[in-house]
Amino acid sequence: MQDGHELLNERQVAAEIFEGLVSVRTLQLWRQARRGPVYLKVGRNVAYRRADVLDYLARCSITTEVPPNLADVLRPAESK
């Protein structure tokens, strides 16, 4: 399959996408808790679309930049 619709099993997702930061067991626990990336289940087989896992990772991103208008609020008041 192409265009991000490539199917991966849980071992491939843990190793290739999460690069070992998330274990197969964590993926299993996420599924039980209805968390984590979207997955497909056909019978007893579980698969993930590469695009769905990458989308999940993008949604997990946290920015550390302070928006310009918030920087003004956080700046200490000047002494007079």
Foldseek 3Di string as FASTA:
>chain_A
DDDQQDKDALCCCCCPVVVVPADSVNVVVCVVVVHAFDWDDDPNGIIDRRNRNVVRVVVPDDDPDDPPVVVVVPDDDDDD
